[in-house]
């Protein structure tokens, strides 16, 4: 049987973010790779995988955080504030080389660009 492995980055009402590994062989297994319990000051309302073990989270606290998984833990590369109240989520709209653009939405929306310097 062909094995399939997927990394899933999640967040929710507990203000935390988690990175889990799902492996599918003859059975499905789930392994917690890393967690940040106080990733945000309130509910995490959106997450994105940016590739290369990098992730993004946004929460009702109006903060975006860029994370990198180093093999043992999630490390916050940087954080940014959004002026959008009641953040509902985030979508990526453009990728050019190391520069990425996102739209944060909630009660209004904001275009945010980020350049990966790592």
Protein backbone atom coordinates (compact mmCIF):
# COMPACT_ATOMS: atom_id res chain seq x y z
CA UNK A 1 0.00 0.00 0.00
CA UNK A 2 1.22 3.51 -0.83
CA UNK A 3 1.86 5.62 2.24
CA UNK A 4 0.58 9.16 2.36
CA UNK A 5 1.76 11.71 4.93
CA UNK A 6 0.12 15.11 5.41
CA UNK A 7 1.02 17.90 7.81
CA UNK A 8 -1.99 19.81 9.09
CA UNK A 9 -1.78 23.20 10.85
CA UNK A 10 -4.84 24.04 12.97
CA UNK A 11 -6.17 26.68 15.35
CA UNK A 12 -9.42 27.36 17.17
CA UNK A 13 -11.25 28.66 20.22
CA UNK A 14 -8.46 27.73 22.63
CA UNK A 15 -6.07 30.45 21.24
CA UNK A 16 -3.57 27.73 20.32
CA UNK A 17 -2.07 26.47 17.07
CA UNK A 18 -1.09 22.85 16.50
CA UNK A 19 0.88 21.03 13.83
CA UNK A 20 -0.05 17.38 13.39
CA UNK A 21 1.10 14.68 11.03
CA UNK A 22 -1.48 12.36 9.51
CA UNK A 23 -0.10 9.15 8.03
CA UNK A 24 -2.22 6.82 5.94
CA UNK A 25 -1.03 3.27 5.34
CA UNK A 26 -3.14 0.24 6.14
CA UNK A 27 -4.41 2.42 9.00
CA UNK A 28 -4.58 6.14 9.77
CA UNK A 29 -2.33 7.54 12.49
CA UNK A 30 -2.14 11.04 13.89
CA UNK A 31 0.93 12.41 15.65
CA UNK A 32 1.23 15.82 17.34
CA UNK A 33 4.43 17.48 16.09
CA UNK A 34 4.21 20.85 17.87
CA UNK A 35 1.84 23.19 19.70
CA UNK A 36 1.87 26.80 20.83
CA UNK A 37 -0.80 27.09 23.52
CA UNK A 38 -0.79 30.91 23.73
CA UNK A 39 -0.34 31.63 20.02
CA UNK A 40 -3.03 34.33 20.13
CA UNK A 41 -4.84 36.30 22.84
CA UNK A 42 -8.19 35.11 21.50
CA UNK A 43 -9.75 32.66 19.05
CA UNK A 44 -7.65 31.67 16.03
CA UNK A 45 -9.95 32.28 13.05
CA UNK A 46 -7.66 31.50 10.12
CA UNK A 47 -4.59 29.43 9.26
CA UNK A 48 -2.58 28.91 6.08
CA UNK A 49 0.25 26.62 5.05
CA UNK A 50 2.93 28.62 3.23
CA UNK A 51 5.10 25.65 2.25
CA UNK A 52 8.65 24.88 3.40
CA UNK A 53 7.39 24.15 6.97
CA UNK A 54 6.05 27.72 7.28
CA UNK A 55 2.56 28.64 8.43
CA UNK A 56 0.42 31.68 9.15
CA UNK A 57 -2.28 32.21 11.76
CA UNK A 58 -4.68 35.09 12.40
CA UNK A 59 -7.04 35.64 15.29
CA UNK A 60 -9.75 37.81 16.71
CA UNK A 61 -6.95 39.58 18.63
CA UNK A 62 -6.18 41.22 15.24
CA UNK A 63 -2.71 39.67 15.07
CA UNK A 64 -1.17 37.66 12.25
CA UNK A 65 1.72 35.41 13.16
CA UNK A 66 4.14 33.72 10.77
CA UNK A 67 5.48 30.39 12.06
CA UNK A 68 8.26 28.00 11.09
CA UNK A 69 8.48 24.38 12.16
CA UNK A 70 12.12 23.60 12.95
CA UNK A 71 11.65 19.86 13.41
CA UNK A 72 10.88 20.12 17.14
CA UNK A 73 8.78 23.24 17.71
CA UNK A 74 6.91 26.09 16.04
CA UNK A 75 8.87 29.32 16.13
CA UNK A 76 7.22 32.70 15.49
CA UNK A 77 9.18 34.41 12.69
CA UNK A 78 7.24 37.66 13.00
CA UNK A 79 3.87 39.09 13.84
CA UNK A 80 1.80 41.85 12.30
CA UNK A 81 -1.27 43.77 13.41
CA UNK A 82 -4.36 44.08 11.24
CA UNK A 83 -6.85 46.92 11.51
CA UNK A 84 -9.74 44.59 10.63
CA UNK A 85 -12.06 44.12 13.64
CA UNK A 86 -13.79 40.77 14.26
CA UNK A 87 -11.29 38.93 12.06
CA UNK A 88 -13.04 36.05 10.31
CA UNK A 89 -10.11 34.62 8.38
CA UNK A 90 -7.39 35.12 5.81
CA UNK A 91 -6.73 34.12 2.20
CA UNK A 92 -3.56 34.25 0.16
CA UNK A 93 -4.02 36.09 -3.13
CA UNK A 94 -0.53 36.35 -4.66
CA UNK A 95 2.94 34.82 -4.45
CA UNK A 96 5.95 36.33 -6.24
CA UNK A 97 9.37 34.94 -5.37
CA UNK A 98 9.67 35.72 -1.62
CA UNK A 99 6.82 38.26 -1.45
CA UNK A 100 3.31 37.11 -0.58
CA UNK A 101 0.02 39.01 -0.39
CA UNK A 102 -2.95 38.19 1.83
CA UNK A 103 -6.42 39.57 2.45
CA UNK A 104 -7.57 39.56 6.07
CA UNK A 105 -11.36 39.72 6.29
CA UNK A 106 -13.92 40.27 9.01
CA UNK A 107 -15.77 43.54 9.57
CA UNK A 108 -14.02 44.97 6.53
CA UNK A 109 -10.86 43.72 4.90
CA UNK A 110 -7.19 44.62 4.56
CA UNK A 111 -4.49 43.75 2.02
CA UNK A 112 -1.24 42.72 3.70
CA UNK A 113 2.09 41.92 2.01
CA UNK A 114 4.90 39.95 3.61
CA UNK A 115 8.42 39.29 2.38
CA UNK A 116 10.03 36.07 3.56
CA UNK A 117 13.58 36.92 4.60
CA UNK A 118 14.48 33.56 6.04
